[in-house]
Amino acid sequence: MKWPVLASCLTLSAVVIMVFLGSWQLDRMEQKQHRLDSIAQKYTTAPMHPFDVAEQWQDVRDVPVKFRGELNADQPILLDNQITAGATGYDVLVPVITRGRPVLVNIGWVAAPASRAELPVIELPAGQVEIEGVITQPGMNPLIQETQQHFDDFPLLVQQIDIPLFNQQWASQLPDMVIERLASQPQMNQFATNWQPVVMSPQKHLGYAIQWFGLAIAAVVIFIIVLIRRTK
């Protein structure tokens, strides 16, 4: 294959990839902005009980909630490989019984012990507690392979939150939501709360999109300049 043809193919492929990546960043920017607008709208309402949210909102994500319930201290769940302030640890999730039904609450993060063979000691308050938080819906990552085989050993160490699997294993009726605890009584202050609805801002996605489009334009300009020089 002659040089101009090969160079044209390589340049075209690179430009197509960079334009695709720029367009993808713009799409992510639009999604993040829509999410932030939705959050702002939902935060104009008073916190609700999690079981009442579906009556008012079709998309229950990010709706603020406030309720009282009793933590099921016999079924703590540790979500593995969670990073806070550069330290490795676990998110601690516990079923909370409210209105006679369980709902899964992420009460916060704890640091991992020095040895991976050890799990942190989880001390949970007894009796009724008041929880303020926000609703999330855990998504399944197909790249994560669940290694847990025994779902009756607690604390239960898992790689991701799979509520249908939990319900199947425990014959329970956990709703498809997780309450991210933002505040509660002091008994749970040892668990760090670090929930963020959007990790990367829409402005950053726009910046990345501009970079990709700029690289695509630069690749075309460089190819034209080199082609003209070789032709001369």
C-alpha atoms as a PDB file:
ATOM      1  CA  MET A   1       0.000   0.000   0.000  1.00  0.00           C
ATOM      2  CA  LYS A   2       1.422   3.427  -0.965  1.00  0.00           C
ATOM      3  CA  TRP A   3       2.250   5.940   1.755  1.00  0.00           C
ATOM      4  CA  PRO A   4      -0.543   8.478   0.966  1.00  0.00           C
ATOM      5  CA  VAL A   5      -3.181   5.749   1.078  1.00  0.00           C
ATOM      6  CA  LEU A   6      -1.846   4.223   4.292  1.00  0.00           C
ATOM      7  CA  ALA A   7      -1.498   7.635   5.950  1.00  0.00           C
ATOM      8  CA  SER A   8      -5.003   8.587   4.876  1.00  0.00           C
ATOM      9  CA  CYS A   9      -6.477   5.409   6.365  1.00  0.00           C
ATOM     10  CA  LEU A  10      -4.614   5.827   9.651  1.00  0.00           C
ATOM     11  CA  THR A  11      -5.518   9.512   9.916  1.00  0.00           C
ATOM     12  CA  LEU A  12      -9.155   8.861   9.103  1.00  0.00           C
ATOM     13  CA  SER A  13      -9.342   6.079  11.696  1.00  0.00           C
ATOM     14  CA  ALA A  14      -7.773   8.291  14.361  1.00  0.00           C
ATOM     15  CA  VAL A  15     -10.081  11.214  13.544  1.00  0.00           C
ATOM     16  CA  VAL A  16     -13.175   8.996  13.652  1.00  0.00           C
ATOM     17  CA  ILE A  17     -12.149   7.612  17.075  1.00  0.00           C
ATOM     18  CA  MET A  18     -11.426  11.065  18.489  1.00  0.00           C
ATOM     19  CA  VAL A  19     -14.704  12.504  17.182  1.00  0.00           C
ATOM     20  CA  PHE A  20     -16.544   9.540  18.691  1.00  0.00           C
ATOM     21  CA  LEU A  21     -14.861  10.113  22.065  1.00  0.00           C
ATOM     22  CA  GLY A  22     -15.685  13.825  21.921  1.00  0.00           C
ATOM     23  CA  SER A  23     -19.325  13.070  21.125  1.00  0.00           C
ATOM     24  CA  TRP A  24     -19.450  10.531  23.954  1.00  0.00           C
ATOM     25  CA  GLN A  25     -18.152  13.158  26.395  1.00  0.00           C
ATOM     26  CA  LEU A  26     -20.849  15.589  25.223  1.00  0.00           C
ATOM     27  CA  ASP A  27     -23.462  12.901  25.797  1.00  0.00           C
ATOM     28  CA  ARG A  28     -22.105  12.266  29.295  1.00  0.00           C
ATOM     29  CA  MET A  29     -22.170  16.022  29.948  1.00  0.00           C
ATOM     30  CA  GLU A  30     -25.846  16.156  29.003  1.00  0.00           C
ATOM     31  CA  GLN A  31     -26.657  13.163  31.215  1.00  0.00           C
ATOM     32  CA  LYS A  32     -24.835  14.653  34.209  1.00  0.00           C
ATOM     33  CA  GLN A  33     -26.537  18.038  33.772  1.00  0.00           C
ATOM     34  CA  HIS A  34     -29.945  16.359  33.537  1.00  0.00           C
ATOM     35  CA  ARG A  35     -29.133  14.424  36.728  1.00  0.00           C
ATOM     36  CA  LEU A  36     -28.102  17.583  38.572  1.00  0.00           C
ATOM     37  CA  ASP A  37     -31.262  19.398  37.426  1.00  0.00           C
ATOM     38  CA  SER A  38     -33.343  16.450  38.636  1.00  0.00           C
ATOM     39  CA  ILE A  39     -31.577  16.476  42.017  1.00  0.00           C
ATOM     40  CA  ALA A  40     -32.173  20.201  42.429  1.00  0.00           C
ATOM     41  CA  GLN A  41     -35.874  19.702  41.723  1.00  0.00           C
ATOM     42  CA  LYS A  42     -36.172  16.805  44.174  1.00  0.00           C
ATOM     43  CA  TYR A  43     -34.435  18.708  46.933  1.00  0.00           C
ATOM     44  CA  THR A  44     -37.149  21.352  46.844  1.00  0.00           C
ATOM     45  CA  THR A  45     -39.455  18.858  48.576  1.00  0.00           C
ATOM     46  CA  ALA A  46     -39.304  17.838  52.231  1.00  0.00           C
ATOM     47  CA  PRO A  47     -37.642  14.479  53.034  1.00  0.00           C
ATOM     48  CA  MET A  48     -40.066  11.585  52.623  1.00  0.00           C
ATOM     49  CA  HIS A  49     -40.354   8.058  53.947  1.00  0.00           C
ATOM     50  CA  PRO A  50     -38.637   5.753  51.413  1.00  0.00           C
ATOM     51  CA  PHE A  51     -41.796   3.681  50.958  1.00  0.00           C
ATOM     52  CA  ASP A  52     -43.793   6.791  49.965  1.00  0.00           C
ATOM     53  CA  VAL A  53     -41.381   8.062  47.304  1.00  0.00           C
ATOM     54  CA  ALA A  54     -42.719   6.008  44.394  1.00  0.00           C
ATOM     55  CA  GLU A  55     -46.135   7.661  44.811  1.00  0.00           C
ATOM     56  CA  GLN A  56     -44.668  11.057  43.871  1.00  0.00           C
ATOM     57  CA  TRP A  57     -41.583  10.317  41.759  1.00  0.00           C
ATOM     58  CA  GLN A  58     -41.238   7.991  38.794  1.00  0.00           C
ATOM     59  CA  ASP A  59     -37.443   8.105  39.137  1.00  0.00           C
ATOM     60  CA  VAL A  60     -36.798   7.546  42.841  1.00  0.00           C
ATOM     61  CA  ARG A  61     -33.050   8.176  42.650  1.00  0.00           C
ATOM     62  CA  ASP A  62     -31.722  11.141  44.630  1.00  0.00           C
ATOM     63  CA  VAL A  63     -34.967  11.753  46.515  1.00  0.00           C
ATOM     64  CA  PRO A  64     -34.182  12.876  50.105  1.00  0.00           C
ATOM     65  CA  VAL A  65     -35.651  10.639  52.804  1.00  0.00           C
ATOM     66  CA  LYS A  66     -36.035  10.705  56.579  1.00  0.00           C
ATOM     67  CA  PHE A  67     -37.417   7.854  58.639  1.00  0.00           C
ATOM     68  CA  ARG A  68     -37.110   5.838  61.829  1.00  0.00           C
ATOM     69  CA  GLY A  69     -36.319   2.167  61.972  1.00  0.00           C
ATOM     70  CA  GLU A  70     -34.398  -0.606  63.697  1.00  0.00           C
ATOM     71  CA  LEU A  71     -31.114  -1.866  62.265  1.00  0.00           C
ATOM     72  CA  ASN A  72     -30.872  -5.603  61.723  1.00  0.00           C
ATOM     73  CA  ALA A  73     -27.468  -5.948  63.380  1.00  0.00           C
ATOM     74  CA  ASP A  74     -27.384  -9.670  62.556  1.00  0.00           C
ATOM     75  CA  GLN A  75     -27.094  -9.049  58.788  1.00  0.00           C
ATOM     76  CA  PRO A  76     -24.347  -6.490  58.110  1.00  0.00           C
ATOM     77  CA  ILE A  77     -23.034  -6.414  54.532  1.00  0.00           C
ATOM     78  CA  LEU A  78     -19.520  -5.223  53.630  1.00  0.00           C
ATOM     79  CA  LEU A  79     -19.057  -3.848  50.121  1.00  0.00           C
ATOM     80  CA  ASP A  80     -15.429  -4.512  49.211  1.00  0.00           C
ATOM     81  CA  ASN A  81     -12.811  -2.218  47.638  1.00  0.00           C
ATOM     82  CA  GLN A  82     -14.193   1.168  48.640  1.00  0.00           C
ATOM     83  CA  ILE A  83     -11.751   4.084  48.730  1.00  0.00           C
ATOM     84  CA  THR A  84     -12.110   7.110  51.011  1.00  0.00           C
ATOM     85  CA  ALA A  85      -9.412   9.804  51.317  1.00  0.00           C
ATOM     86  CA  GLY A  86      -6.960   7.431  49.664  1.00  0.00           C
ATOM     87  CA  ALA A  87      -7.582   4.627  52.172  1.00  0.00           C
ATOM     88  CA  THR A  88      -9.059   1.226  51.315  1.00  0.00           C
ATOM     89  CA  GLY A  89     -12.056  -0.025  53.233  1.00  0.00           C
ATOM     90  CA  TYR A  90     -15.642  -1.184  53.080  1.00  0.00           C
ATOM     91  CA  ASP A  91     -19.075   0.369  52.797  1.00  0.00           C
ATOM     92  CA  VAL A  92     -21.293  -1.052  55.533  1.00  0.00           C
ATOM     93  CA  LEU A  93     -24.883  -1.809  54.515  1.00  0.00           C
ATOM     94  CA  VAL A  94     -27.565  -3.018  56.900  1.00  0.00           C
ATOM     95  CA  PRO A  95     -31.248  -3.882  56.458  1.00  0.00           C
ATOM     96  CA  VAL A  96     -33.342  -1.444  58.471  1.00  0.00           C
ATOM     97  CA  ILE A  97     -36.850  -2.447  59.521  1.00  0.00           C
ATOM     98  CA  THR A  98     -39.318   0.408  59.095  1.00  0.00           C
ATOM     99  CA  ARG A  99     -43.095   0.136  58.892  1.00  0.00           C
ATOM    100  CA  GLY A 100     -42.603  -3.602  59.332  1.00  0.00           C
ATOM    101  CA  ARG A 101     -40.522  -3.975  56.165  1.00  0.00           C
ATOM    102  CA  PRO A 102     -36.767  -4.002  55.455  1.00  0.00           C
ATOM    103  CA  VAL A 103     -34.896  -1.462  53.362  1.00  0.00           C
ATOM    104  CA  LEU A 104     -31.164  -1.583  52.724  1.00  0.00           C
ATOM    105  CA  VAL A 105     -29.189   1.358  54.162  1.00  0.00           C
ATOM    106  CA  ASN A 106     -25.568   2.212  53.449  1.00  0.00           C
ATOM    107  CA  ILE A 107     -24.626   3.561  56.851  1.00  0.00           C
ATOM    108  CA  GLY A 108     -21.108   4.554  55.789  1.00  0.00           C
ATOM    109  CA  TRP A 109     -17.486   3.572  55.288  1.00  0.00           C
ATOM    110  CA  VAL A 110     -14.992   1.870  57.594  1.00  0.00           C
ATOM    111  CA  ALA A 111     -11.275   1.371  57.068  1.00  0.00           C
ATOM    112  CA  ALA A 112      -9.958  -2.093  56.310  1.00  0.00           C
ATOM    113  CA  PRO A 113      -7.710  -3.860  58.848  1.00  0.00           C
ATOM    114  CA  ALA A 114      -4.033  -4.279  58.025  1.00  0.00           C
ATOM    115  CA  SER A 115      -4.598  -7.873  56.891  1.00  0.00           C
ATOM    116  CA  ARG A 116      -6.990  -8.831  54.088  1.00  0.00           C
ATOM    117  CA  ALA A 117      -7.730 -12.000  56.068  1.00  0.00           C
ATOM    118  CA  GLU A 118      -9.454  -9.872  58.702  1.00  0.00           C
ATOM    119  CA  LEU A 119     -12.740  -7.987  58.505  1.00  0.00           C
ATOM    120  CA  PRO A 120     -13.555  -4.860  60.495  1.00  0.00           C
ATOM    121  CA  VAL A 121     -15.562  -5.201  63.696  1.00  0.00           C
ATOM    122  CA  ILE A 122     -18.990  -3.663  63.124  1.00  0.00           C
ATOM    123  CA  GLU A 123     -20.803  -2.251  66.171  1.00  0.00           C
ATOM    124  CA  LEU A 124     -24.345  -1.104  65.453  1.00  0.00           C
ATOM    125  CA  PRO A 125     -26.765   0.716  67.751  1.00  0.00           C
ATOM    126  CA  ALA A 126     -29.738  -1.170  69.136  1.00  0.00           C
ATOM    127  CA  GLY A 127     -33.302   0.057  69.137  1.00  0.00           C
ATOM    128  CA  GLN A 128     -34.934   2.717  66.972  1.00  0.00           C
ATOM    129  CA  VAL A 129     -32.724   5.167  65.091  1.00  0.00           C
ATOM    130  CA  GLU A 130     -33.586   8.089  62.856  1.00  0.00           C
ATOM    131  CA  ILE A 131     -31.903   8.146  59.462  1.00  0.00           C
ATOM    132  CA  GLU A 132     -31.645  10.986  56.966  1.00  0.00           C
ATOM    133  CA  GLY A 133     -30.367  10.164  53.520  1.00  0.00           C
ATOM    134  CA  VAL A 134     -30.999   9.905  49.840  1.00  0.00           C
ATOM    135  CA  ILE A 135     -32.218   7.058  47.636  1.00  0.00           C
ATOM    136  CA  THR A 136     -29.877   5.339  45.193  1.00  0.00           C
ATOM    137  CA  GLN A 137     -30.376   2.328  42.969  1.00  0.00           C
ATOM    138  CA  PRO A 138     -27.308   0.079  42.671  1.00  0.00           C
ATOM    139  CA  GLY A 139     -26.273  -0.813  39.149  1.00  0.00           C
ATOM    140  CA  MET A 140     -24.669  -4.107  38.207  1.00  0.00           C
ATOM    141  CA  ASN A 141     -21.165  -3.983  36.757  1.00  0.00           C
ATOM    142  CA  PRO A 142     -20.676  -6.924  34.342  1.00  0.00           C
ATOM    143  CA  LEU A 143     -16.904  -6.650  34.783  1.00  0.00           C
ATOM    144  CA  ILE A 144     -17.146  -7.450  38.512  1.00  0.00           C
ATOM    145  CA  GLN A 145     -17.249 -11.133  39.374  1.00  0.00           C
ATOM    146  CA  GLU A 146     -19.047 -11.898  42.634  1.00  0.00           C
ATOM    147  CA  THR A 147     -16.874 -14.218  44.739  1.00  0.00           C
ATOM    148  CA  GLN A 148     -19.272 -14.710  47.646  1.00  0.00           C
ATOM    149  CA  GLN A 149     -20.735 -18.215  47.806  1.00  0.00           C
ATOM    150  CA  HIS A 150     -22.132 -18.341  51.349  1.00  0.00           C
ATOM    151  CA  PHE A 151     -24.851 -15.810  52.051  1.00  0.00           C
ATOM    152  CA  ASP A 152     -25.560 -16.869  55.622  1.00  0.00           C
ATOM    153  CA  ASP A 153     -22.159 -15.905  57.070  1.00  0.00           C
ATOM    154  CA  PHE A 154     -22.105 -12.389  58.512  1.00  0.00           C
ATOM    155  CA  PRO A 155     -20.681  -9.885  58.100  1.00  0.00           C
ATOM    156  CA  LEU A 156     -21.286 -10.729  54.452  1.00  0.00           C
ATOM    157  CA  LEU A 157     -18.437  -9.650  52.137  1.00  0.00           C
ATOM    158  CA  VAL A 158     -19.603  -8.856  48.588  1.00  0.00           C
ATOM    159  CA  GLN A 159     -18.119  -7.262  45.477  1.00  0.00           C
ATOM    160  CA  GLN A 160     -21.304  -5.419  44.468  1.00  0.00           C
ATOM    161  CA  ILE A 161     -24.819  -4.859  45.747  1.00  0.00           C
ATOM    162  CA  ASP A 162     -27.171  -7.326  44.044  1.00  0.00           C
ATOM    163  CA  ILE A 163     -30.559  -6.885  45.719  1.00  0.00           C
ATOM    164  CA  PRO A 164     -32.399  -9.547  43.644  1.00  0.00           C
ATOM    165  CA  LEU A 165     -29.686 -12.036  44.655  1.00  0.00           C
ATOM    166  CA  PHE A 166     -30.032 -11.070  48.317  1.00  0.00           C
ATOM    167  CA  ASN A 167     -33.805 -11.530  48.146  1.00  0.00           C
ATOM    168  CA  GLN A 168     -33.331 -14.911  46.500  1.00  0.00           C
ATOM    169  CA  GLN A 169     -30.825 -16.105  49.073  1.00  0.00           C
ATOM    170  CA  TRP A 170     -32.695 -14.803  52.112  1.00  0.00           C
ATOM    171  CA  ALA A 171     -36.298 -15.121  50.898  1.00  0.00           C
ATOM    172  CA  SER A 172     -36.628 -11.441  51.755  1.00  0.00           C
ATOM    173  CA  GLN A 173     -38.444  -8.530  50.098  1.00  0.00           C
ATOM    174  CA  LEU A 174     -35.857  -5.764  49.991  1.00  0.00           C
ATOM    175  CA  PRO A 175     -37.010  -3.016  47.593  1.00  0.00           C
ATOM    176  CA  ASP A 176     -34.754  -2.117  44.672  1.00  0.00           C
ATOM    177  CA  MET A 177     -33.084   0.797  46.422  1.00  0.00           C
ATOM    178  CA  VAL A 178     -30.305   1.657  48.835  1.00  0.00           C
ATOM    179  CA  ILE A 179     -30.556   4.552  51.265  1.00  0.00           C
ATOM    180  CA  GLU A 180     -27.264   6.442  51.411  1.00  0.00           C
ATOM    181  CA  ARG A 181     -27.081   7.715  54.985  1.00  0.00           C
ATOM    182  CA  LEU A 182     -26.183  11.381  55.207  1.00  0.00           C
ATOM    183  CA  ALA A 183     -26.988  11.976  58.863  1.00  0.00           C
ATOM    184  CA  SER A 184     -28.346  10.146  61.885  1.00  0.00           C
ATOM    185  CA  GLN A 185     -27.887   9.957  65.622  1.00  0.00           C
ATOM    186  CA  PRO A 186     -24.333  10.051  67.001  1.00  0.00           C
ATOM    187  CA  GLN A 187     -24.236   6.274  67.517  1.00  0.00           C
ATOM    188  CA  MET A 188     -23.149   5.844  63.877  1.00  0.00           C
ATOM    189  CA  ASN A 189     -20.631   8.659  63.614  1.00  0.00           C
ATOM    190  CA  GLN A 190     -17.799   6.127  63.344  1.00  0.00           C
ATOM    191  CA  PHE A 191     -19.009   5.352  59.812  1.00  0.00           C
ATOM    192  CA  ALA A 192     -17.826   7.960  57.294  1.00  0.00           C
ATOM    193  CA  THR A 193     -20.438   9.197  54.810  1.00  0.00           C
ATOM    194  CA  ASN A 194     -19.052  10.214  51.438  1.00  0.00           C
ATOM    195  CA  TRP A 195     -21.942   9.952  48.993  1.00  0.00           C
ATOM    196  CA  GLN A 196     -21.620  11.989  45.786  1.00  0.00           C
ATOM    197  CA  PRO A 197     -24.401  11.915  43.167  1.00  0.00           C
ATOM    198  CA  VAL A 198     -22.043  13.016  40.366  1.00  0.00           C
ATOM    199  CA  VAL A 199     -18.327  12.303  40.565  1.00  0.00           C
ATOM    200  CA  MET A 200     -17.331  14.277  37.454  1.00  0.00           C
ATOM    201  CA  SER A 201     -19.014  17.607  36.713  1.00  0.00           C
ATOM    202  CA  PRO A 202     -20.621  18.437  33.334  1.00  0.00           C
ATOM    203  CA  GLN A 203     -17.961  21.125  32.841  1.00  0.00           C
ATOM    204  CA  LYS A 204     -15.193  18.520  32.977  1.00  0.00           C
ATOM    205  CA  HIS A 205     -16.946  16.391  30.368  1.00  0.00           C
ATOM    206  CA  LEU A 206     -17.219  19.489  28.154  1.00  0.00           C
ATOM    207  CA  GLY A 207     -13.501  20.146  28.607  1.00  0.00           C
ATOM    208  CA  TYR A 208     -12.636  16.584  27.608  1.00  0.00           C
ATOM    209  CA  ALA A 209     -14.931  16.836  24.572  1.00  0.00           C
ATOM    210  CA  ILE A 210     -13.193  20.020  23.423  1.00  0.00           C
ATOM    211  CA  GLN A 211      -9.823  18.307  23.828  1.00  0.00           C
ATOM    212  CA  TRP A 212     -10.866  15.330  21.694  1.00  0.00           C
ATOM    213  CA  PHE A 213     -12.326  17.522  18.953  1.00  0.00           C
ATOM    214  CA  GLY A 214      -9.195  19.694  19.051  1.00  0.00           C
ATOM    215  CA  LEU A 215      -6.984  16.625  18.633  1.00  0.00           C
ATOM    216  CA  ALA A 216      -9.103  15.490  15.680  1.00  0.00           C
ATOM    217  CA  ILE A 217      -8.710  18.881  13.973  1.00  0.00           C
ATOM    218  CA  ALA A 218      -4.977  18.881  14.707  1.00  0.00           C
ATOM    219  CA  ALA A 219      -4.594  15.410  13.185  1.00  0.00           C
ATOM    220  CA  VAL A 220      -6.303  16.540   9.966  1.00  0.00           C
ATOM    221  CA  VAL A 221      -4.202  19.713   9.760  1.00  0.00           C
ATOM    222  CA  ILE A 222      -0.939  17.819  10.334  1.00  0.00           C
ATOM    223  CA  PHE A 223      -1.872  15.245   7.706  1.00  0.00           C
ATOM    224  CA  ILE A 224      -2.623  17.959   5.135  1.00  0.00           C
ATOM    225  CA  ILE A 225       0.654  19.766   5.870  1.00  0.00           C
ATOM    226  CA  VAL A 226       2.699  16.567   5.583  1.00  0.00           C
ATOM    227  CA  LEU A 227       0.899  15.561   2.397  1.00  0.00           C
ATOM    228  CA  ILE A 228       1.568  18.961   0.785  1.00  0.00           C
ATOM    229  CA  ARG A 229       5.252  18.819   1.707  1.00  0.00           C
ATOM    230  CA  ARG A 230       5.673  15.296   0.359  1.00  0.00           C
ATOM    231  CA  THR A 231       3.878  16.262  -2.833  1.00  0.00           C
ATOM    232  CA  LYS A 232       6.268  19.199  -3.350  1.00  0.00           C
END
